[in-house]
Amino acid sequence: MREDRRVRLIRKSKPHADNESSPKEPPTPAEPSERELKNVVSRWVREHRQRSEEFQRTFAAMLKGGGFHLPTS
């Protein structure tokens, strides 16, 4: 068995603000470009198609090979 070890926490130190009187706005995340969105969506579609085809092949092989039996009453 593994022996219990102490866990050391590492915390980021807070940066000291030189001028605290001026409020800083939180940075807004940049929105992805249309091209980046198209790339992501097309990758999702391609992966879904590959998984669907793989499932269909596997299921067809199971039915042909006799690995799938319907219960009889």
C-alpha atoms as a PDB file:
ATOM      1  CA  MET A   1       0.000   0.000   0.000  1.00  0.00           C
ATOM      2  CA  ARG A   2       1.053   3.561  -0.529  1.00  0.00           C
ATOM      3  CA  GLU A   3       2.130   5.484   2.482  1.00  0.00           C
ATOM      4  CA  ASP A   4       0.360   8.730   3.286  1.00  0.00           C
ATOM      5  CA  ARG A   5       2.297  11.729   2.102  1.00  0.00           C
ATOM      6  CA  ARG A   6       1.819  15.332   3.003  1.00  0.00           C
ATOM      7  CA  VAL A   7       0.418  17.494   0.259  1.00  0.00           C
ATOM      8  CA  ARG A   8       2.185  20.772  -0.368  1.00  0.00           C
ATOM      9  CA  LEU A   9      -0.058  23.554  -1.596  1.00  0.00           C
ATOM     10  CA  ILE A  10       1.412  26.092  -3.942  1.00  0.00           C
ATOM     11  CA  ARG A  11      -0.442  29.366  -4.149  1.00  0.00           C
ATOM     12  CA  LYS A  12       0.058  32.165  -6.586  1.00  0.00           C
ATOM     13  CA  SER A  13       1.077  35.369  -4.910  1.00  0.00           C
ATOM     14  CA  LYS A  14      -1.181  38.333  -5.537  1.00  0.00           C
ATOM     15  CA  PRO A  15       0.451  41.090  -7.568  1.00  0.00           C
ATOM     16  CA  HIS A  16       0.764  44.371  -5.735  1.00  0.00           C
ATOM     17  CA  ALA A  17      -1.041  47.165  -7.529  1.00  0.00           C
ATOM     18  CA  ASP A  18       0.914  50.414  -7.646  1.00  0.00           C
ATOM     19  CA  ASN A  19      -2.113  52.524  -8.381  1.00  0.00           C
ATOM     20  CA  GLU A  20      -5.187  51.092  -6.705  1.00  0.00           C
ATOM     21  CA  SER A  21      -7.322  54.203  -7.230  1.00  0.00           C
ATOM     22  CA  SER A  22      -7.985  53.469 -10.910  1.00  0.00           C
ATOM     23  CA  PRO A  23     -10.357  50.515 -11.286  1.00  0.00           C
ATOM     24  CA  LYS A  24      -9.301  48.011 -13.891  1.00  0.00           C
ATOM     25  CA  GLU A  25     -11.847  46.326 -16.104  1.00  0.00           C
ATOM     26  CA  PRO A  26     -11.573  42.554 -16.306  1.00  0.00           C
ATOM     27  CA  PRO A  27     -10.258  41.455 -19.684  1.00  0.00           C
ATOM     28  CA  THR A  28     -13.034  40.199 -21.918  1.00  0.00           C
ATOM     29  CA  PRO A  29     -12.273  36.964 -23.723  1.00  0.00           C
ATOM     30  CA  ALA A  30     -11.908  37.397 -27.450  1.00  0.00           C
ATOM     31  CA  GLU A  31     -14.668  35.730 -29.417  1.00  0.00           C
ATOM     32  CA  PRO A  32     -13.501  33.031 -31.791  1.00  0.00           C
ATOM     33  CA  SER A  33     -13.491  33.899 -35.446  1.00  0.00           C
ATOM     34  CA  GLU A  34     -15.966  32.387 -37.873  1.00  0.00           C
ATOM     35  CA  ARG A  35     -13.193  30.277 -39.376  1.00  0.00           C
ATOM     36  CA  GLU A  36     -12.262  28.833 -35.964  1.00  0.00           C
ATOM     37  CA  LEU A  37     -15.913  27.982 -35.296  1.00  0.00           C
ATOM     38  CA  LYS A  38     -16.218  26.270 -38.676  1.00  0.00           C
ATOM     39  CA  ASN A  39     -13.093  24.215 -37.952  1.00  0.00           C
ATOM     40  CA  VAL A  40     -14.406  23.087 -34.571  1.00  0.00           C
ATOM     41  CA  VAL A  41     -17.869  22.231 -35.859  1.00  0.00           C
ATOM     42  CA  SER A  42     -16.524  20.361 -38.884  1.00  0.00           C
ATOM     43  CA  ARG A  43     -14.211  18.358 -36.600  1.00  0.00           C
ATOM     44  CA  TRP A  44     -17.188  17.447 -34.376  1.00  0.00           C
ATOM     45  CA  VAL A  45     -19.228  16.362 -37.396  1.00  0.00           C
ATOM     46  CA  ARG A  46     -16.356  14.306 -38.819  1.00  0.00           C
ATOM     47  CA  GLU A  47     -15.749  12.556 -35.467  1.00  0.00           C
ATOM     48  CA  HIS A  48     -19.479  11.856 -35.075  1.00  0.00           C
ATOM     49  CA  ARG A  49     -19.652  10.311 -38.538  1.00  0.00           C
ATOM     50  CA  GLN A  50     -16.609   8.141 -37.818  1.00  0.00           C
ATOM     51  CA  ARG A  51     -18.123   6.912 -34.539  1.00  0.00           C
ATOM     52  CA  SER A  52     -21.473   6.230 -36.229  1.00  0.00           C
ATOM     53  CA  GLU A  53     -19.845   4.232 -39.017  1.00  0.00           C
ATOM     54  CA  GLU A  54     -17.764   2.276 -36.515  1.00  0.00           C
ATOM     55  CA  PHE A  55     -20.877   1.495 -34.474  1.00  0.00           C
ATOM     56  CA  GLN A  56     -22.758   0.346 -37.586  1.00  0.00           C
ATOM     57  CA  ARG A  57     -19.883  -1.930 -38.653  1.00  0.00           C
ATOM     58  CA  THR A  58     -19.543  -3.405 -35.165  1.00  0.00           C
ATOM     59  CA  PHE A  59     -23.267  -3.999 -34.796  1.00  0.00           C
ATOM     60  CA  ALA A  60     -23.511  -5.584 -38.264  1.00  0.00           C
ATOM     61  CA  ALA A  61     -20.584  -7.876 -37.443  1.00  0.00           C
ATOM     62  CA  MET A  62     -22.243  -8.898 -34.185  1.00  0.00           C
ATOM     63  CA  LEU A  63     -25.496  -9.752 -35.970  1.00  0.00           C
ATOM     64  CA  LYS A  64     -23.697 -11.725 -38.691  1.00  0.00           C
ATOM     65  CA  GLY A  65     -21.433 -13.550 -36.285  1.00  0.00           C
ATOM     66  CA  GLY A  66     -24.225 -14.723 -34.048  1.00  0.00           C
ATOM     67  CA  GLY A  67     -23.028 -12.769 -31.026  1.00  0.00           C
ATOM     68  CA  PHE A  68     -26.491 -11.305 -30.627  1.00  0.00           C
ATOM     69  CA  HIS A  69     -29.440 -13.569 -29.805  1.00  0.00           C
ATOM     70  CA  LEU A  70     -33.025 -12.477 -29.302  1.00  0.00           C
ATOM     71  CA  PRO A  71     -34.755 -13.995 -26.296  1.00  0.00           C
ATOM     72  CA  THR A  72     -37.405 -16.564 -27.213  1.00  0.00           C
ATOM     73  CA  SER A  73     -40.636 -16.851 -25.286  1.00  0.00           C
END
